C-alpha atoms as a PDB file:
ATOM      1  CA  MET A   1      -6.881 -10.204  -1.790  1.00  0.00           C
ATOM      2  CA  LYS A   2     -10.665  -9.762  -0.921  1.00  0.00           C
ATOM      3  CA  GLY A   3     -10.366  -7.279   2.024  1.00  0.00           C
ATOM      4  CA  VAL A   4      -8.240  -5.720   0.886  1.00  0.00           C
ATOM      5  CA  GLY A   5      -8.810  -2.467   0.555  1.00  0.00           C
ATOM      6  CA  PRO A   6      -6.053   0.681  -0.875  1.00  0.00           C
ATOM      7  CA  TYR A   7      -5.291   1.139   3.322  1.00  0.00           C
ATOM      8  CA  THR A   8      -4.123  -1.713   4.557  1.00  0.00           C
ATOM      9  CA  ALA A   9      -3.126  -2.425   1.297  1.00  0.00           C
ATOM     10  CA  GLY A  10      -0.695   0.598   1.505  1.00  0.00           C
ATOM     11  CA  ALA A  11       0.357   0.355   4.972  1.00  0.00           C
ATOM     12  CA  ILE A  12       1.471  -3.475   4.749  1.00  0.00           C
ATOM     13  CA  LEU A  13       3.599  -2.363   1.214  1.00  0.00           C
ATOM     14  CA  SER A  14       5.004   0.643   3.406  1.00  0.00           C
ATOM     15  CA  ILE A  15       5.572  -0.646   6.400  1.00  0.00           C
ATOM     16  CA  ALA A  16       6.474  -4.728   6.083  1.00  0.00           C
ATOM     17  CA  TYR A  17       8.115  -3.703   2.611  1.00  0.00           C
ATOM     18  CA  GLY A  18      10.223  -0.435   2.676  1.00  0.00           C
ATOM     19  CA  LYS A  19       7.510  -0.058  -0.685  1.00  0.00           C
ATOM     20  CA  PRO A  20       6.499   3.817  -1.145  1.00  0.00           C
ATOM     21  CA  GLU A  21       2.695   3.796  -0.519  1.00  0.00           C
ATOM     22  CA  PRO A  22       0.329   5.914   0.637  1.00  0.00           C
ATOM     23  CA  ALA A  23      -1.461   4.563   3.691  1.00  0.00           C
ATOM     24  CA  VAL A  24      -4.265   6.975   4.059  1.00  0.00           C
ATOM     25  CA  ASP A  25      -6.485   6.454   6.995  1.00  0.00           C
ATOM     26  CA  GLY A  26      -9.485   9.179   7.832  1.00  0.00           C
ATOM     27  CA  ASN A  27      -5.893  10.505  10.472  1.00  0.00           C
ATOM     28  CA  VAL A  28      -3.988  10.930   7.264  1.00  0.00           C
ATOM     29  CA  MET A  29      -6.808  12.803   5.542  1.00  0.00           C
ATOM     30  CA  ARG A  30      -6.764  15.639   8.030  1.00  0.00           C
ATOM     31  CA  VAL A  31      -3.523  15.495   8.587  1.00  0.00           C
ATOM     32  CA  LEU A  32      -2.551  16.595   5.245  1.00  0.00           C
ATOM     33  CA  SER A  33      -6.107  18.516   4.837  1.00  0.00           C
ATOM     34  CA  ARG A  34      -5.159  20.889   6.976  1.00  0.00           C
ATOM     35  CA  ILE A  35      -1.077  21.246   6.945  1.00  0.00           C
ATOM     36  CA  LEU A  36      -1.925  21.434   2.646  1.00  0.00           C
ATOM     37  CA  MET A  37      -5.492  23.424   2.735  1.00  0.00           C
ATOM     38  CA  ILE A  38      -7.032  21.096   1.056  1.00  0.00           C
ATOM     39  CA  TYR A  39     -10.797  21.780   1.306  1.00  0.00           C
ATOM     40  CA  GLU A  40     -12.439  19.232  -0.869  1.00  0.00           C
ATOM     41  CA  ASP A  41     -15.178  16.629   0.898  1.00  0.00           C
ATOM     42  CA  ILE A  42     -12.777  13.699   2.669  1.00  0.00           C
ATOM     43  CA  ALA A  43     -17.215  12.181   2.552  1.00  0.00           C
ATOM     44  CA  LYS A  44     -16.521  11.641  -0.715  1.00  0.00           C
ATOM     45  CA  PRO A  45     -14.399   8.094  -2.214  1.00  0.00           C
ATOM     46  CA  LYS A  46     -12.822  10.269  -5.282  1.00  0.00           C
ATOM     47  CA  THR A  47     -11.593  12.752  -2.385  1.00  0.00           C
ATOM     48  CA  ARG A  48      -9.056  10.419  -1.144  1.00  0.00           C
ATOM     49  CA  LYS A  49      -6.741   9.234  -4.192  1.00  0.00           C
ATOM     50  CA  THR A  50      -5.968  13.382  -3.699  1.00  0.00           C
ATOM     51  CA  PHE A  51      -4.540  12.715  -0.548  1.00  0.00           C
ATOM     52  CA  GLU A  52      -3.193   9.635  -2.357  1.00  0.00           C
ATOM     53  CA  ALA A  53      -2.031  11.522  -4.990  1.00  0.00           C
ATOM     54  CA  ALA A  54      -0.529  14.108  -2.051  1.00  0.00           C
ATOM     55  CA  VAL A  55       1.359  11.612   0.398  1.00  0.00           C
ATOM     56  CA  ARG A  56       3.015   9.782  -3.353  1.00  0.00           C
ATOM     57  CA  LYS A  57       4.682  13.706  -3.982  1.00  0.00           C
ATOM     58  CA  LEU A  58       5.548  13.696   0.272  1.00  0.00           C
ATOM     59  CA  ILE A  59       6.615  10.163   1.082  1.00  0.00           C
ATOM     60  CA  ASP A  60       9.888   9.822   2.143  1.00  0.00           C
ATOM     61  CA  HIS A  61      11.612   7.116  -0.618  1.00  0.00           C
ATOM     62  CA  GLU A  62      13.813   5.862   2.010  1.00  0.00           C
ATOM     63  CA  HIS A  63      11.686   5.681   5.106  1.00  0.00           C
ATOM     64  CA  THR A  64       8.189   4.680   4.349  1.00  0.00           C
ATOM     65  CA  SER A  65       7.477   3.148   7.090  1.00  0.00           C
ATOM     66  CA  ALA A  66       8.084   6.062   9.142  1.00  0.00           C
ATOM     67  CA  PHE A  67       6.444   8.503   7.434  1.00  0.00           C
ATOM     68  CA  ASN A  68       3.390   6.775   7.060  1.00  0.00           C
ATOM     69  CA  GLN A  69       2.994   6.129  10.653  1.00  0.00           C
ATOM     70  CA  ALA A  70       4.194  10.013  11.165  1.00  0.00           C
ATOM     71  CA  LEU A  71       1.017  11.017   9.465  1.00  0.00           C
ATOM     72  CA  MET A  72      -1.019   8.104  10.946  1.00  0.00           C
ATOM     73  CA  GLU A  73      -0.294   8.403  14.567  1.00  0.00           C
ATOM     74  CA  LEU A  74       0.564  13.273  14.301  1.00  0.00           C
ATOM     75  CA  GLY A  75      -3.894  12.335  13.466  1.00  0.00           C
ATOM     76  CA  ALA A  76      -4.448  10.778  16.457  1.00  0.00           C
ATOM     77  CA  LEU A  77      -2.517  12.280  18.805  1.00  0.00           C
ATOM     78  CA  ILE A  78      -1.798  15.804  17.886  1.00  0.00           C
ATOM     79  CA  CYS A  79      -3.365  16.735  14.321  1.00  0.00           C
ATOM     80  CA  THR A  80      -7.063  15.782  16.081  1.00  0.00           C
ATOM     81  CA  PRO A  81     -10.912  16.260  15.813  1.00  0.00           C
ATOM     82  CA  GLY A  82     -12.294  19.949  16.435  1.00  0.00           C
ATOM     83  CA  LYS A  83      -9.226  21.622  18.155  1.00  0.00           C
ATOM     84  CA  PRO A  84      -6.251  20.536  17.163  1.00  0.00           C
ATOM     85  CA  ALA A  85      -2.859  20.792  19.531  1.00  0.00           C
ATOM     86  CA  CYS A  86      -1.706  22.866  16.940  1.00  0.00           C
ATOM     87  CA  LEU A  87       1.321  24.491  19.404  1.00  0.00           C
ATOM     88  CA  LEU A  88       2.418  20.710  20.034  1.00  0.00           C
ATOM     89  CA  CYS A  89       2.571  19.637  16.403  1.00  0.00           C
ATOM     90  CA  PRO A  90       6.080  19.069  15.398  1.00  0.00           C
ATOM     91  CA  VAL A  91       5.236  20.270  11.698  1.00  0.00           C
ATOM     92  CA  GLN A  92       3.151  23.479  12.421  1.00  0.00           C
ATOM     93  CA  SER A  93       5.981  25.214  10.654  1.00  0.00           C
ATOM     94  CA  HIS A  94       4.342  24.091   7.600  1.00  0.00           C
ATOM     95  CA  CYS A  95       1.240  24.402   8.381  1.00  0.00           C
ATOM     96  CA  LEU A  96      -1.254  25.854   5.352  1.00  0.00           C
ATOM     97  CA  ALA A  97      -3.501  25.767   7.706  1.00  0.00           C
ATOM     98  CA  PHE A  98      -2.615  27.348  11.009  1.00  0.00           C
ATOM     99  CA  GLU A  99      -0.811  30.075   9.240  1.00  0.00           C
ATOM    100  CA  ALA A 100      -4.121  31.056   8.171  1.00  0.00           C
ATOM    101  CA  GLY A 101      -5.623  30.338  11.419  1.00  0.00           C
ATOM    102  CA  VAL A 102      -8.391  27.824   9.871  1.00  0.00           C
ATOM    103  CA  GLN A 103      -6.872  24.565  11.253  1.00  0.00           C
ATOM    104  CA  SER A 104     -10.235  24.335  12.933  1.00  0.00           C
ATOM    105  CA  GLU A 105     -12.016  24.006   9.553  1.00  0.00           C
ATOM    106  CA  LEU A 106     -10.191  21.067   8.109  1.00  0.00           C
ATOM    107  CA  PRO A 107     -11.157  18.516   7.208  1.00  0.00           C
ATOM    108  CA  VAL A 108     -14.803  19.644   5.568  1.00  0.00           C
ATOM    109  CA  LYS A 109     -16.550  16.903   5.278  1.00  0.00           C
ATOM    110  CA  ILE A 110     -20.514  17.690   4.185  1.00  0.00           C
ATOM    111  CA  GLN A 111     -22.682  14.591   6.255  1.00  0.00           C
ATOM    112  CA  LYS A 112     -25.352  13.542   4.458  1.00  0.00           C
ATOM    113  CA  LYS A 113     -29.292  14.003   5.910  1.00  0.00           C
ATOM    114  CA  LYS A 114     -30.469  11.268   6.885  1.00  0.00           C
ATOM    115  CA  ARG A 115     -34.226  11.520   5.603  1.00  0.00           C
ATOM    116  CA  GLY A 116     -37.087   9.992   7.543  1.00  0.00           C
ATOM    117  CA  MET A 117     -39.164   6.893   6.406  1.00  0.00           C
ATOM    118  CA  TYR A 118     -42.484  10.033   5.668  1.00  0.00           C
ATOM    119  CA  GLN A 119     -39.475  11.973   4.141  1.00  0.00           C
ATOM    120  CA  LEU A 120     -40.067  13.511   0.850  1.00  0.00           C
END
């Protein structure tokens, strides 16, 4: 369908139909980049494939809706940008970034410098 991207399609398929499809948004990429210590630049479109592949390996085939929604919620409430609330995190014991003390470094997102009109 026109206007339906991979995130929306994955969310609909997993939440409404119970299909084991990834619903990867910014929150999910942030959570997984920290849990799995993925240092790929999330600003690059190809990186989404890395996170979709990770979700496909981890997704609970019996509870696809709950799994995807839990990842999204974890990113929205606990595993937030900048200073995550790691001490409140229910998956802290599985988080490689927390274990290494680098949770605030992830996810990697390299911003392109905006060029002014007269800069070359």
